[in-house]
Structures are given as C-alpha cells and as structure tokens.
Amino acid sequence: MDFLKNRSIRFYMVFFAILIMALGSSVAAFADSSTGATVAVNAGNLSESGPSSVSATAVTLNGSDQTTSYALGLTVTDARGNGAGWNLTITSTQFSDGHGDTLATTASSIGSTPGVSCNAGSSCTNPTNSITYPVTVPAGNTAPTPVKFFNATANSGLGKFTITPTITISIPANTIAGTYSSTVSVAVVSGP
C-alpha cells in the first residue's frame, strides 16, 4: 500500500511540475509578445456649400422705412487636419427688379454673429470667430470684392459645421414695388 501511496504522490508532483512549466511558458509568451500598430490619417479638404436659392420675408410698403431678412444655412467642412483656420467671405450683385429699379449697394448687412452648430456624426473644435459686426454685404452691377463675415482662427473650426448668417435688407419707404433679386456669392478660404 505504501508503494501505491508513494507512487501516487510522485505522480501528482510530476503532474503539478508539468502544469507549472506549461503555465509559466504561456505567461512568458504573452508577456514577451509585442506588436506595433500604425494608422495613416490623411488630410481631407476645406469646403463650403449652401442653398441654391433663398427668399426674404415679403414687405408691404406702408410709408415707413422697413427691413426684412433671410438666413443662409451654410455647411463648412474643415477636414484638412492642420489647424490653419479659415474665413467665410460674401459678395453680391445689387438687388434689382429687372426694370431698372434697384436697392442701395449697402442695402444688405449681417448684423450679428451667425449661429454655429457641429453637425451630427462630427467631432468638432468650435470656430473662434474674430469678426466685428455689423458687416455690410458689398453689392454692385457686378459683384465687388468679397468681405469676411465669419472666421475660424488658427487651431479652431475643425470638423463639419452648419453656420447660419442672417442677412438683413433695408427697404426704404420710397422703393418702387416689385420683386427684387440678387446673386449672393459665399466662399470659404484658408487662413485666420
């Protein structure tokens, strides 16, 4: 009986030693293993898009100077990944009724900071805007040199945003009744 007992103890000790060696080598294999991982993050583009047409609220002449307004819902995407900042610029043709009647070249203005929101599905670094308001929207028979109306200073404005400037139009009391139209051009350019 002692023979079997000693043999059983030796068997268990050998089994235990083999188990320790197996576990020890597995742990060592995982501890010594390492893998380098890389990911390429390529620069995208700077872009702006907006509606093809908008209409201001109609005005009924009443003998007093009046104003009306419209909003531009612009989408600005800065996917360049360089933090260079950007500017939104605006210019326009003079409001005309097509029969020789026009509104003043200074009729349109942006009176306050446009609304800004980060688009769904985009992680954004909100734009830091340094423009002072109001901004007169330039106008002429042909669109004059554009002016800045919103910007993202360096290291801001990364991601995809909806920017909504409200443009106010002055309608003098002596305006000839009619439907006036203008071509408004908005662009995004690099730089703070």
N, C-alpha and C. Protein backbone atom coordinates (compact mmCIF):
# COMPACT_ATOMS: atom_id res chain seq x y z
N MET A 1 0.81 -1.17 0.00
CA MET A 1 0.00 0.00 0.00
C MET A 1 0.87 1.25 0.00
N ASP A 2 1.95 1.21 0.78
CA ASP A 2 2.85 2.36 0.80
C ASP A 2 3.45 2.60 -0.58
N PHE A 3 3.65 1.52 -1.29
CA PHE A 3 4.20 1.64 -2.64
C PHE A 3 3.26 2.44 -3.54
N LEU A 4 1.97 2.11 -3.48
CA LEU A 4 0.97 2.84 -4.28
C LEU A 4 0.84 4.28 -3.81
N LYS A 5 0.88 4.46 -2.50
CA LYS A 5 0.75 5.81 -1.96
C LYS A 5 1.92 6.67 -2.42
N ASN A 6 3.15 6.15 -2.36
CA ASN A 6 4.32 6.90 -2.79
C ASN A 6 4.28 7.15 -4.29
N ARG A 7 3.80 6.16 -5.02
CA ARG A 7 3.70 6.31 -6.47
C ARG A 7 2.68 7.39 -6.83
N SER A 8 1.57 7.42 -6.12
CA SER A 8 0.53 8.44 -6.36
C SER A 8 1.05 9.83 -6.05
N ILE A 9 1.79 9.96 -4.98
CA ILE A 9 2.34 11.26 -4.60
C ILE A 9 3.33 11.72 -5.66
N ARG A 10 4.20 10.82 -6.13
CA ARG A 10 5.15 11.17 -7.18
C ARG A 10 4.41 11.58 -8.45
N PHE A 11 3.34 10.83 -8.79
CA PHE A 11 2.56 11.15 -10.00
C PHE A 11 1.99 12.57 -9.90
N TYR A 12 1.40 12.89 -8.75
CA TYR A 12 0.82 14.22 -8.56
C TYR A 12 1.88 15.30 -8.59
N MET A 13 3.03 15.04 -8.03
CA MET A 13 4.10 16.03 -8.02
C MET A 13 4.64 16.27 -9.43
N VAL A 14 4.80 15.20 -10.20
CA VAL A 14 5.26 15.34 -11.58
C VAL A 14 4.21 16.09 -12.40
N PHE A 15 2.93 15.71 -12.22
CA PHE A 15 1.84 16.40 -12.94
C PHE A 15 1.82 17.88 -12.58
N PHE A 16 1.97 18.20 -11.30
CA PHE A 16 1.97 19.58 -10.83
C PHE A 16 3.15 20.35 -11.42
N ALA A 17 4.32 19.72 -11.49
CA ALA A 17 5.51 20.36 -12.05
C ALA A 17 5.31 20.64 -13.54
N ILE A 18 4.74 19.69 -14.26
CA ILE A 18 4.48 19.88 -15.69
C ILE A 18 3.47 21.01 -15.89
N LEU A 19 2.42 21.06 -15.07
CA LEU A 19 1.41 22.12 -15.15
C LEU A 19 2.03 23.49 -14.90
N ILE A 20 2.90 23.60 -13.92
CA ILE A 20 3.57 24.86 -13.61
C ILE A 20 4.44 25.29 -14.79
N MET A 21 5.19 24.35 -15.36
CA MET A 21 6.04 24.69 -16.50
C MET A 21 5.20 25.13 -17.70
N ALA A 22 4.07 24.47 -17.93
CA ALA A 22 3.20 24.83 -19.06
C ALA A 22 2.61 26.22 -18.86
N LEU A 23 2.11 26.48 -17.69
CA LEU A 23 1.53 27.80 -17.41
C LEU A 23 2.60 28.88 -17.44
N GLY A 24 3.74 28.60 -16.88
CA GLY A 24 4.84 29.56 -16.85
C GLY A 24 5.28 29.94 -18.25
N SER A 25 5.39 28.97 -19.16
CA SER A 25 5.82 29.29 -20.51
C SER A 25 4.74 30.05 -21.26
N SER A 26 3.46 29.78 -20.97
CA SER A 26 2.37 30.52 -21.63
C SER A 26 2.37 31.97 -21.19
N VAL A 27 2.51 32.18 -19.90
CA VAL A 27 2.55 33.54 -19.39
C VAL A 27 3.73 34.29 -19.97
N ALA A 28 4.87 33.64 -20.02
CA ALA A 28 6.07 34.27 -20.57
C ALA A 28 5.88 34.61 -22.04
N ALA A 29 5.21 33.75 -22.78
CA ALA A 29 4.98 34.00 -24.20
C ALA A 29 4.13 35.25 -24.39
N PHE A 30 3.10 35.41 -23.59
CA PHE A 30 2.26 36.58 -23.71
C PHE A 30 2.97 37.84 -23.23
N ALA A 31 3.73 37.74 -22.18
CA ALA A 31 4.41 38.89 -21.63
C ALA A 31 5.50 39.40 -22.57
N ASP A 32 6.15 38.51 -23.29
CA ASP A 32 7.24 38.91 -24.18
C ASP A 32 6.76 39.32 -25.56
N SER A 33 5.50 39.06 -25.88
CA SER A 33 4.97 39.35 -27.21
C SER A 33 4.58 40.82 -27.32
N SER A 34 4.94 41.48 -28.44
CA SER A 34 4.50 42.85 -28.68
C SER A 34 4.29 43.05 -30.17
N THR A 35 3.34 43.91 -30.51
CA THR A 35 3.01 44.19 -31.91
C THR A 35 2.94 45.69 -32.09
N GLY A 36 3.60 46.21 -33.11
CA GLY A 36 3.50 47.64 -33.42
C GLY A 36 2.28 47.87 -34.30
N ALA A 37 1.44 48.84 -33.97
CA ALA A 37 0.26 49.16 -34.77
C ALA A 37 0.38 50.60 -35.28
N THR A 38 0.04 50.83 -36.52
CA THR A 38 0.07 52.17 -37.09
C THR A 38 -1.24 52.46 -37.79
N VAL A 39 -1.56 53.73 -37.94
CA VAL A 39 -2.72 54.15 -38.70
C VAL A 39 -2.34 55.42 -39.45
N ALA A 40 -2.64 55.46 -40.73
CA ALA A 40 -2.38 56.66 -41.54
C ALA A 40 -3.62 57.54 -41.47
N VAL A 41 -3.45 58.80 -41.11
CA VAL A 41 -4.54 59.77 -41.09
C VAL A 41 -4.22 60.81 -42.15
N ASN A 42 -4.90 60.72 -43.28
CA ASN A 42 -4.62 61.60 -44.41
C ASN A 42 -5.47 62.85 -44.36
N ALA A 43 -4.92 63.94 -44.82
CA ALA A 43 -5.63 65.22 -44.84
C ALA A 43 -6.78 65.18 -45.83
N GLY A 44 -7.90 65.81 -45.46
CA GLY A 44 -9.05 65.97 -46.35
C GLY A 44 -9.05 67.37 -46.93
N ASN A 45 -10.25 67.91 -47.15
CA ASN A 45 -10.40 69.20 -47.81
C ASN A 45 -11.11 70.22 -46.95
N LEU A 46 -11.01 71.46 -47.37
CA LEU A 46 -11.78 72.57 -46.82
C LEU A 46 -12.86 72.88 -47.84
N SER A 47 -14.14 72.87 -47.41
CA SER A 47 -15.23 73.11 -48.37
C SER A 47 -16.39 73.84 -47.71
N GLU A 48 -17.20 74.45 -48.56
CA GLU A 48 -18.41 75.16 -48.13
C GLU A 48 -19.51 74.86 -49.13
N SER A 49 -20.72 74.67 -48.65
CA SER A 49 -21.87 74.50 -49.52
C SER A 49 -23.06 75.19 -48.88
N GLY A 50 -24.01 75.57 -49.70
CA GLY A 50 -25.18 76.27 -49.20
C GLY A 50 -26.36 76.09 -50.13
N PRO A 51 -27.46 76.73 -49.80
CA PRO A 51 -28.67 76.59 -50.61
C PRO A 51 -28.50 77.27 -51.97
N SER A 52 -29.25 76.78 -52.96
CA SER A 52 -29.16 77.39 -54.29
C SER A 52 -30.01 78.65 -54.39
N SER A 53 -31.04 78.76 -53.54
CA SER A 53 -31.83 80.00 -53.52
C SER A 53 -32.53 80.13 -52.17
N VAL A 54 -32.74 81.37 -51.79
CA VAL A 54 -33.47 81.70 -50.56
C VAL A 54 -34.35 82.91 -50.84
N SER A 55 -35.36 83.11 -50.02
CA SER A 55 -36.24 84.26 -50.17
C SER A 55 -36.38 84.96 -48.84
N ALA A 56 -36.35 86.28 -48.89
CA ALA A 56 -36.60 87.08 -47.69
C ALA A 56 -38.10 87.17 -47.48
N THR A 57 -38.49 87.48 -46.26
CA THR A 57 -39.90 87.70 -45.95
C THR A 57 -40.40 88.90 -46.73
N ALA A 58 -41.58 88.76 -47.34
CA ALA A 58 -42.16 89.84 -48.15
C ALA A 58 -42.42 91.08 -47.30
N VAL A 59 -42.33 92.25 -47.93
CA VAL A 59 -42.57 93.53 -47.27
C VAL A 59 -43.73 94.23 -47.98
N THR A 60 -44.63 94.81 -47.22
CA THR A 60 -45.70 95.63 -47.77
C THR A 60 -45.36 97.08 -47.47
N LEU A 61 -45.23 97.89 -48.52
CA LEU A 61 -44.90 99.31 -48.33
C LEU A 61 -45.99 99.98 -47.49
N ASN A 62 -45.55 100.81 -46.52
CA ASN A 62 -46.51 101.46 -45.62
C ASN A 62 -46.14 102.92 -45.35
N GLY A 63 -45.20 103.46 -46.12
CA GLY A 63 -44.79 104.84 -45.91
C GLY A 63 -43.61 104.99 -44.97
N SER A 64 -43.16 103.92 -44.34
CA SER A 64 -42.01 103.96 -43.44
C SER A 64 -40.89 103.08 -44.00
N ASP A 65 -39.65 103.44 -43.65
CA ASP A 65 -38.53 102.57 -43.99
C ASP A 65 -38.69 101.26 -43.23
N GLN A 66 -38.35 100.16 -43.88
CA GLN A 66 -38.53 98.85 -43.26
C GLN A 66 -37.31 97.98 -43.52
N THR A 67 -37.28 96.84 -42.86
CA THR A 67 -36.26 95.83 -43.12
C THR A 67 -36.94 94.48 -43.25
N THR A 68 -36.26 93.59 -43.93
CA THR A 68 -36.65 92.19 -43.99
C THR A 68 -35.37 91.37 -43.94
N SER A 69 -35.48 90.07 -43.85
CA SER A 69 -34.25 89.28 -43.73
C SER A 69 -34.43 87.88 -44.30
N TYR A 70 -33.29 87.24 -44.52
CA TYR A 70 -33.26 85.83 -44.89
C TYR A 70 -32.04 85.21 -44.23
N ALA A 71 -32.09 83.90 -44.06
CA ALA A 71 -30.98 83.17 -43.43
C ALA A 71 -30.35 82.24 -44.45
N LEU A 72 -29.04 82.17 -44.41
CA LEU A 72 -28.29 81.23 -45.23
C LEU A 72 -27.83 80.07 -44.34
N GLY A 73 -28.25 78.87 -44.66
CA GLY A 73 -27.76 77.69 -43.93
C GLY A 73 -26.56 77.13 -44.67
N LEU A 74 -25.37 77.45 -44.21
CA LEU A 74 -24.13 77.04 -44.88
C LEU A 74 -23.51 75.85 -44.15
N THR A 75 -22.95 74.93 -44.91
CA THR A 75 -22.20 73.83 -44.32
C THR A 75 -20.72 74.05 -44.63
N VAL A 76 -19.92 74.13 -43.58
CA VAL A 76 -18.47 74.30 -43.73
C VAL A 76 -17.81 73.06 -43.16
N THR A 77 -16.93 72.45 -43.96
CA THR A 77 -16.18 71.27 -43.52
C THR A 77 -14.69 71.60 -43.59
N ASP A 78 -14.02 71.49 -42.45
CA ASP A 78 -12.57 71.60 -42.43
C ASP A 78 -12.02 70.25 -42.01
N ALA A 79 -11.65 69.45 -43.03
CA ALA A 79 -11.12 68.11 -42.79
C ALA A 79 -9.63 68.04 -43.14
N ARG A 80 -8.96 69.20 -43.16
CA ARG A 80 -7.55 69.23 -43.54
C ARG A 80 -6.63 68.72 -42.45
N GLY A 81 -7.07 68.82 -41.19
CA GLY A 81 -6.27 68.32 -40.09
C GLY A 81 -5.00 69.12 -39.82
N ASN A 82 -4.98 70.41 -40.19
CA ASN A 82 -3.76 71.20 -39.97
C ASN A 82 -3.98 72.40 -39.05
N GLY A 83 -5.22 72.70 -38.68
CA GLY A 83 -5.49 73.82 -37.78
C GLY A 83 -5.16 75.17 -38.34
N ALA A 84 -5.16 75.31 -39.68
CA ALA A 84 -4.76 76.58 -40.32
C ALA A 84 -5.82 77.66 -40.20
N GLY A 85 -7.05 77.30 -39.83
CA GLY A 85 -8.13 78.27 -39.76
C GLY A 85 -8.71 78.56 -41.13
N TRP A 86 -9.83 79.31 -41.16
CA TRP A 86 -10.49 79.63 -42.42
C TRP A 86 -11.35 80.88 -42.27
N ASN A 87 -11.75 81.42 -43.43
CA ASN A 87 -12.62 82.60 -43.48
C ASN A 87 -13.79 82.32 -44.40
N LEU A 88 -14.97 82.80 -44.02
CA LEU A 88 -16.11 82.82 -44.92
C LEU A 88 -16.20 84.24 -45.48
N THR A 89 -16.34 84.34 -46.80
CA THR A 89 -16.46 85.65 -47.45
C THR A 89 -17.78 85.74 -48.19
N ILE A 90 -18.23 86.97 -48.43
CA ILE A 90 -19.51 87.20 -49.10
C ILE A 90 -19.43 88.42 -50.00
N THR A 91 -20.12 88.36 -51.11
CA THR A 91 -20.31 89.49 -52.01
C THR A 91 -21.64 89.26 -52.74
N SER A 92 -22.10 90.27 -53.47
CA SER A 92 -23.39 90.11 -54.15
C SER A 92 -23.54 91.12 -55.29
N THR A 93 -24.51 90.83 -56.13
CA THR A 93 -24.93 91.83 -57.10
C THR A 93 -26.01 92.67 -56.44
N GLN A 94 -26.21 93.86 -56.95
CA GLN A 94 -27.19 94.79 -56.40
C GLN A 94 -28.61 94.24 -56.62
N PHE A 95 -29.47 94.37 -55.59
CA PHE A 95 -30.86 93.96 -55.75
C PHE A 95 -31.51 94.79 -56.84
N SER A 96 -32.14 94.10 -57.79
CA SER A 96 -32.78 94.77 -58.93
C SER A 96 -34.11 94.09 -59.23
N ASP A 97 -35.08 94.91 -59.72
CA ASP A 97 -36.38 94.33 -60.10
C ASP A 97 -36.42 93.93 -61.57
N GLY A 98 -35.31 94.13 -62.28
CA GLY A 98 -35.24 93.76 -63.69
C GLY A 98 -35.82 94.81 -64.62
N HIS A 99 -36.32 95.91 -64.06
CA HIS A 99 -36.91 97.01 -64.85
C HIS A 99 -36.18 98.32 -64.60
N GLY A 100 -34.97 98.24 -64.05
CA GLY A 100 -34.18 99.44 -63.81
C GLY A 100 -34.25 99.96 -62.39
N ASP A 101 -35.08 99.37 -61.54
CA ASP A 101 -35.19 99.80 -60.14
C ASP A 101 -34.28 98.92 -59.28
N THR A 102 -33.54 99.54 -58.38
CA THR A 102 -32.58 98.81 -57.55
C THR A 102 -32.68 99.25 -56.10
N LEU A 103 -32.15 98.43 -55.23
CA LEU A 103 -31.94 98.82 -53.84
C LEU A 103 -30.50 99.32 -53.73
N ALA A 104 -30.20 100.03 -52.69
CA ALA A 104 -28.86 100.60 -52.50
C ALA A 104 -27.80 99.50 -52.46
N THR A 105 -26.59 99.84 -52.84
CA THR A 105 -25.48 98.87 -52.80
C THR A 105 -25.12 98.50 -51.35
N THR A 106 -25.62 99.26 -50.39
CA THR A 106 -25.38 98.97 -48.97
C THR A 106 -26.63 98.44 -48.28
N ALA A 107 -27.60 97.95 -49.06
CA ALA A 107 -28.89 97.53 -48.51
C ALA A 107 -28.79 96.30 -47.62
N SER A 108 -27.82 95.41 -47.88
CA SER A 108 -27.74 94.14 -47.14
C SER A 108 -26.62 94.17 -46.10
N SER A 109 -26.91 93.61 -44.95
CA SER A 109 -25.88 93.52 -43.90
C SER A 109 -26.13 92.31 -43.01
N ILE A 110 -25.06 91.89 -42.36
CA ILE A 110 -25.13 90.83 -41.34
C ILE A 110 -24.92 91.54 -40.02
N GLY A 111 -25.97 91.58 -39.20
CA GLY A 111 -25.95 92.40 -38.01
C GLY A 111 -25.34 91.78 -36.77
N SER A 112 -25.25 90.47 -36.74
CA SER A 112 -24.72 89.81 -35.53
C SER A 112 -24.03 88.51 -35.90
N THR A 113 -23.36 87.94 -34.92
CA THR A 113 -22.61 86.71 -35.13
C THR A 113 -23.55 85.60 -35.62
N PRO A 114 -23.20 84.94 -36.71
CA PRO A 114 -24.03 83.83 -37.20
C PRO A 114 -24.10 82.68 -36.20
N GLY A 115 -25.22 81.96 -36.25
CA GLY A 115 -25.36 80.76 -35.44
C GLY A 115 -24.42 79.67 -35.94
N VAL A 116 -23.88 78.87 -35.03
CA VAL A 116 -22.93 77.81 -35.38
C VAL A 116 -23.32 76.54 -34.63
N SER A 117 -23.35 75.41 -35.34
CA SER A 117 -23.57 74.12 -34.67
C SER A 117 -22.72 73.05 -35.35
N CYS A 118 -22.24 72.13 -34.53
CA CYS A 118 -21.46 70.99 -35.03
C CYS A 118 -22.45 69.98 -35.60
N ASN A 119 -22.19 69.49 -36.81
CA ASN A 119 -23.09 68.55 -37.45
C ASN A 119 -23.03 67.18 -36.77
N ALA A 120 -24.14 66.46 -36.81
CA ALA A 120 -24.22 65.12 -36.25
C ALA A 120 -23.18 64.23 -36.92
N GLY A 121 -22.54 63.40 -36.14
CA GLY A 121 -21.54 62.48 -36.67
C GLY A 121 -20.16 63.09 -36.82
N SER A 122 -19.99 64.33 -36.37
CA SER A 122 -18.70 65.00 -36.47
C SER A 122 -18.23 65.42 -35.08
N SER A 123 -16.98 65.14 -34.78
CA SER A 123 -16.36 65.68 -33.56
C SER A 123 -15.73 67.00 -33.97
N CYS A 124 -16.12 68.09 -33.32
CA CYS A 124 -15.72 69.42 -33.77
C CYS A 124 -14.85 70.15 -32.76
N THR A 125 -13.98 70.99 -33.28
CA THR A 125 -13.32 72.02 -32.49
C THR A 125 -13.98 73.31 -32.94
N ASN A 126 -14.85 73.86 -32.09
CA ASN A 126 -15.66 75.01 -32.50
C ASN A 126 -14.81 76.17 -33.02
N PRO A 127 -15.32 76.87 -34.05
CA PRO A 127 -14.58 78.01 -34.58
C PRO A 127 -14.55 79.17 -33.59
N THR A 128 -13.39 79.80 -33.48
CA THR A 128 -13.26 81.03 -32.71
C THR A 128 -13.32 82.16 -33.72
N ASN A 129 -14.40 82.92 -33.69
CA ASN A 129 -14.68 83.97 -34.68
C ASN A 129 -14.20 85.31 -34.15
N SER A 130 -13.42 86.03 -34.96
CA SER A 130 -12.89 87.33 -34.52
C SER A 130 -13.46 88.50 -35.34
N ILE A 131 -14.53 88.27 -36.09
CA ILE A 131 -15.14 89.32 -36.92
C ILE A 131 -16.00 90.22 -36.05
N THR A 132 -15.97 91.53 -36.32
CA THR A 132 -16.80 92.51 -35.63
C THR A 132 -18.02 92.81 -36.50
N TYR A 133 -19.19 92.88 -35.87
CA TYR A 133 -20.45 93.11 -36.58
C TYR A 133 -21.00 94.49 -36.23
N PRO A 134 -21.80 95.09 -37.15
CA PRO A 134 -22.35 94.55 -38.38
C PRO A 134 -21.33 94.54 -39.53
N VAL A 135 -21.61 93.67 -40.53
CA VAL A 135 -20.81 93.58 -41.75
C VAL A 135 -21.73 93.92 -42.91
N THR A 136 -21.37 94.93 -43.68
CA THR A 136 -22.16 95.27 -44.87
C THR A 136 -21.79 94.31 -45.99
N VAL A 137 -22.81 93.74 -46.62
CA VAL A 137 -22.58 92.84 -47.75
C VAL A 137 -22.37 93.71 -48.99
N PRO A 138 -21.20 93.66 -49.60
CA PRO A 138 -20.96 94.52 -50.77
C PRO A 138 -21.85 94.11 -51.94
N ALA A 139 -22.24 95.11 -52.74
CA ALA A 139 -23.10 94.85 -53.90
C ALA A 139 -22.75 95.84 -55.00
N GLY A 140 -23.01 95.44 -56.25
CA GLY A 140 -22.78 96.29 -57.41
C GLY A 140 -23.38 95.63 -58.64
N ASN A 141 -23.28 96.32 -59.78
CA ASN A 141 -23.77 95.72 -61.04
C ASN A 141 -23.11 94.37 -61.26
N THR A 142 -21.81 94.31 -61.04
CA THR A 142 -21.10 93.04 -60.94
C THR A 142 -20.63 92.94 -59.49
N ALA A 143 -20.58 91.74 -58.98
CA ALA A 143 -20.24 91.57 -57.56
C ALA A 143 -18.85 92.12 -57.27
N PRO A 144 -18.73 93.03 -56.29
CA PRO A 144 -17.41 93.58 -55.92
C PRO A 144 -16.58 92.58 -55.12
N THR A 145 -15.41 93.02 -54.70
CA THR A 145 -14.51 92.19 -53.90
C THR A 145 -15.24 91.71 -52.64
N PRO A 146 -15.17 90.41 -52.36
CA PRO A 146 -15.85 89.89 -51.17
C PRO A 146 -15.21 90.39 -49.87
N VAL A 147 -16.02 90.36 -48.81
CA VAL A 147 -15.54 90.71 -47.47
C VAL A 147 -15.72 89.51 -46.55
N LYS A 148 -14.89 89.43 -45.50
CA LYS A 148 -15.03 88.38 -44.49
C LYS A 148 -16.26 88.67 -43.63
N PHE A 149 -17.04 87.62 -43.36
CA PHE A 149 -18.16 87.81 -42.43
C PHE A 149 -18.14 86.79 -41.29
N PHE A 150 -17.24 85.82 -41.35
CA PHE A 150 -17.09 84.85 -40.26
C PHE A 150 -15.73 84.19 -40.44
N ASN A 151 -15.08 83.82 -39.33
CA ASN A 151 -13.82 83.11 -39.48
C ASN A 151 -13.60 82.12 -38.34
N ALA A 152 -12.65 81.24 -38.57
CA ALA A 152 -12.16 80.32 -37.55
C ALA A 152 -10.67 80.61 -37.41
N THR A 153 -10.28 81.13 -36.26
CA THR A 153 -8.87 81.44 -36.05
C THR A 153 -8.07 80.13 -36.02
N ALA A 154 -6.75 80.25 -36.02
CA ALA A 154 -5.88 79.08 -36.03
C ALA A 154 -6.25 78.11 -34.92
N ASN A 155 -6.19 76.83 -35.24
CA ASN A 155 -6.48 75.74 -34.31
C ASN A 155 -7.93 75.70 -33.85
N SER A 156 -8.84 76.28 -34.64
CA SER A 156 -10.27 76.16 -34.36
C SER A 156 -11.00 75.89 -35.67
N GLY A 157 -12.26 75.53 -35.57
CA GLY A 157 -13.07 75.30 -36.76
C GLY A 157 -12.80 73.98 -37.46
N LEU A 158 -12.28 72.98 -36.74
CA LEU A 158 -12.03 71.67 -37.34
C LEU A 158 -13.27 70.80 -37.18
N GLY A 159 -13.70 70.18 -38.27
CA GLY A 159 -14.90 69.34 -38.25
C GLY A 159 -15.89 69.84 -39.29
N LYS A 160 -17.15 69.51 -39.08
CA LYS A 160 -18.21 69.87 -40.03
C LYS A 160 -19.29 70.65 -39.29
N PHE A 161 -19.57 71.87 -39.78
CA PHE A 161 -20.46 72.79 -39.08
C PHE A 161 -21.59 73.28 -39.98
N THR A 162 -22.70 73.66 -39.36
CA THR A 162 -23.72 74.46 -40.02
C THR A 162 -23.58 75.87 -39.46
N ILE A 163 -23.39 76.83 -40.36
CA ILE A 163 -23.24 78.23 -39.98
C ILE A 163 -24.37 79.00 -40.64
N THR A 164 -25.12 79.75 -39.83
CA THR A 164 -26.33 80.38 -40.32
C THR A 164 -26.30 81.90 -40.12
N PRO A 165 -25.77 82.64 -41.09
CA PRO A 165 -25.85 84.09 -41.01
C PRO A 165 -27.25 84.57 -41.40
N THR A 166 -27.74 85.58 -40.70
CA THR A 166 -29.00 86.23 -41.06
C THR A 166 -28.66 87.54 -41.75
N ILE A 167 -29.15 87.70 -42.96
CA ILE A 167 -28.85 88.90 -43.76
C ILE A 167 -30.10 89.78 -43.77
N THR A 168 -29.91 91.00 -43.29
CA THR A 168 -31.00 91.98 -43.22
C THR A 168 -30.93 92.89 -44.44
N ILE A 169 -32.09 93.16 -45.05
CA ILE A 169 -32.18 94.02 -46.23
C ILE A 169 -32.98 95.26 -45.86
N SER A 170 -32.42 96.44 -46.12
CA SER A 170 -33.11 97.70 -45.86
C SER A 170 -33.99 98.04 -47.06
N ILE A 171 -35.26 98.31 -46.77
CA ILE A 171 -36.23 98.68 -47.81
C ILE A 171 -36.72 100.10 -47.49
N PRO A 172 -36.24 101.12 -48.23
CA PRO A 172 -36.69 102.49 -47.97
C PRO A 172 -38.18 102.66 -48.32
N ALA A 173 -38.80 103.65 -47.70
CA ALA A 173 -40.23 103.90 -47.93
C ALA A 173 -40.52 104.25 -49.38
N ASN A 174 -39.53 104.82 -50.10
CA ASN A 174 -39.77 105.25 -51.48
C ASN A 174 -39.36 104.19 -52.52
N THR A 175 -39.24 102.93 -52.10
CA THR A 175 -38.90 101.85 -53.02
C THR A 175 -40.06 101.59 -53.97
N ILE A 176 -39.77 101.37 -55.24
CA ILE A 176 -40.78 101.00 -56.23
C ILE A 176 -41.18 99.55 -55.97
N ALA A 177 -42.48 99.28 -55.92
CA ALA A 177 -42.96 97.91 -55.66
C ALA A 177 -42.51 96.97 -56.77
N GLY A 178 -42.16 95.77 -56.42
CA GLY A 178 -41.73 94.75 -57.38
C GLY A 178 -41.00 93.63 -56.67
N THR A 179 -40.53 92.66 -57.43
CA THR A 179 -39.74 91.55 -56.89
C THR A 179 -38.28 91.81 -57.24
N TYR A 180 -37.47 91.98 -56.22
CA TYR A 180 -36.05 92.30 -56.39
C TYR A 180 -35.23 91.04 -56.17
N SER A 181 -34.19 90.88 -56.96
CA SER A 181 -33.33 89.71 -56.80
C SER A 181 -31.86 90.12 -56.85
N SER A 182 -31.04 89.28 -56.28
CA SER A 182 -29.60 89.50 -56.20
C SER A 182 -28.92 88.14 -56.23
N THR A 183 -27.71 88.10 -56.75
CA THR A 183 -26.91 86.89 -56.68
C THR A 183 -25.90 87.06 -55.56
N VAL A 184 -25.99 86.21 -54.56
CA VAL A 184 -25.12 86.26 -53.39
C VAL A 184 -24.08 85.15 -53.53
N SER A 185 -22.80 85.52 -53.39
CA SER A 185 -21.72 84.54 -53.51
C SER A 185 -20.99 84.42 -52.19
N VAL A 186 -20.94 83.19 -51.68
CA VAL A 186 -20.24 82.89 -50.43
C VAL A 186 -19.11 81.91 -50.74
N ALA A 187 -17.96 82.09 -50.11
CA ALA A 187 -16.83 81.18 -50.31
C ALA A 187 -16.10 80.98 -48.99
N VAL A 188 -15.41 79.86 -48.88
CA VAL A 188 -14.54 79.61 -47.75
C VAL A 188 -13.11 79.59 -48.26
N VAL A 189 -12.24 80.31 -47.55
CA VAL A 189 -10.83 80.38 -47.93
C VAL A 189 -9.97 80.08 -46.71
N SER A 190 -8.80 79.51 -46.94
CA SER A 190 -7.90 79.13 -45.87
C SER A 190 -7.29 80.35 -45.19
N GLY A 191 -7.03 80.19 -43.91
CA GLY A 191 -6.31 81.22 -43.16
C GLY A 191 -7.18 81.91 -42.14
N PRO A 192 -6.62 82.32 -41.03
CA PRO A 192 -7.40 83.02 -40.00
C PRO A 192 -7.77 84.43 -40.40
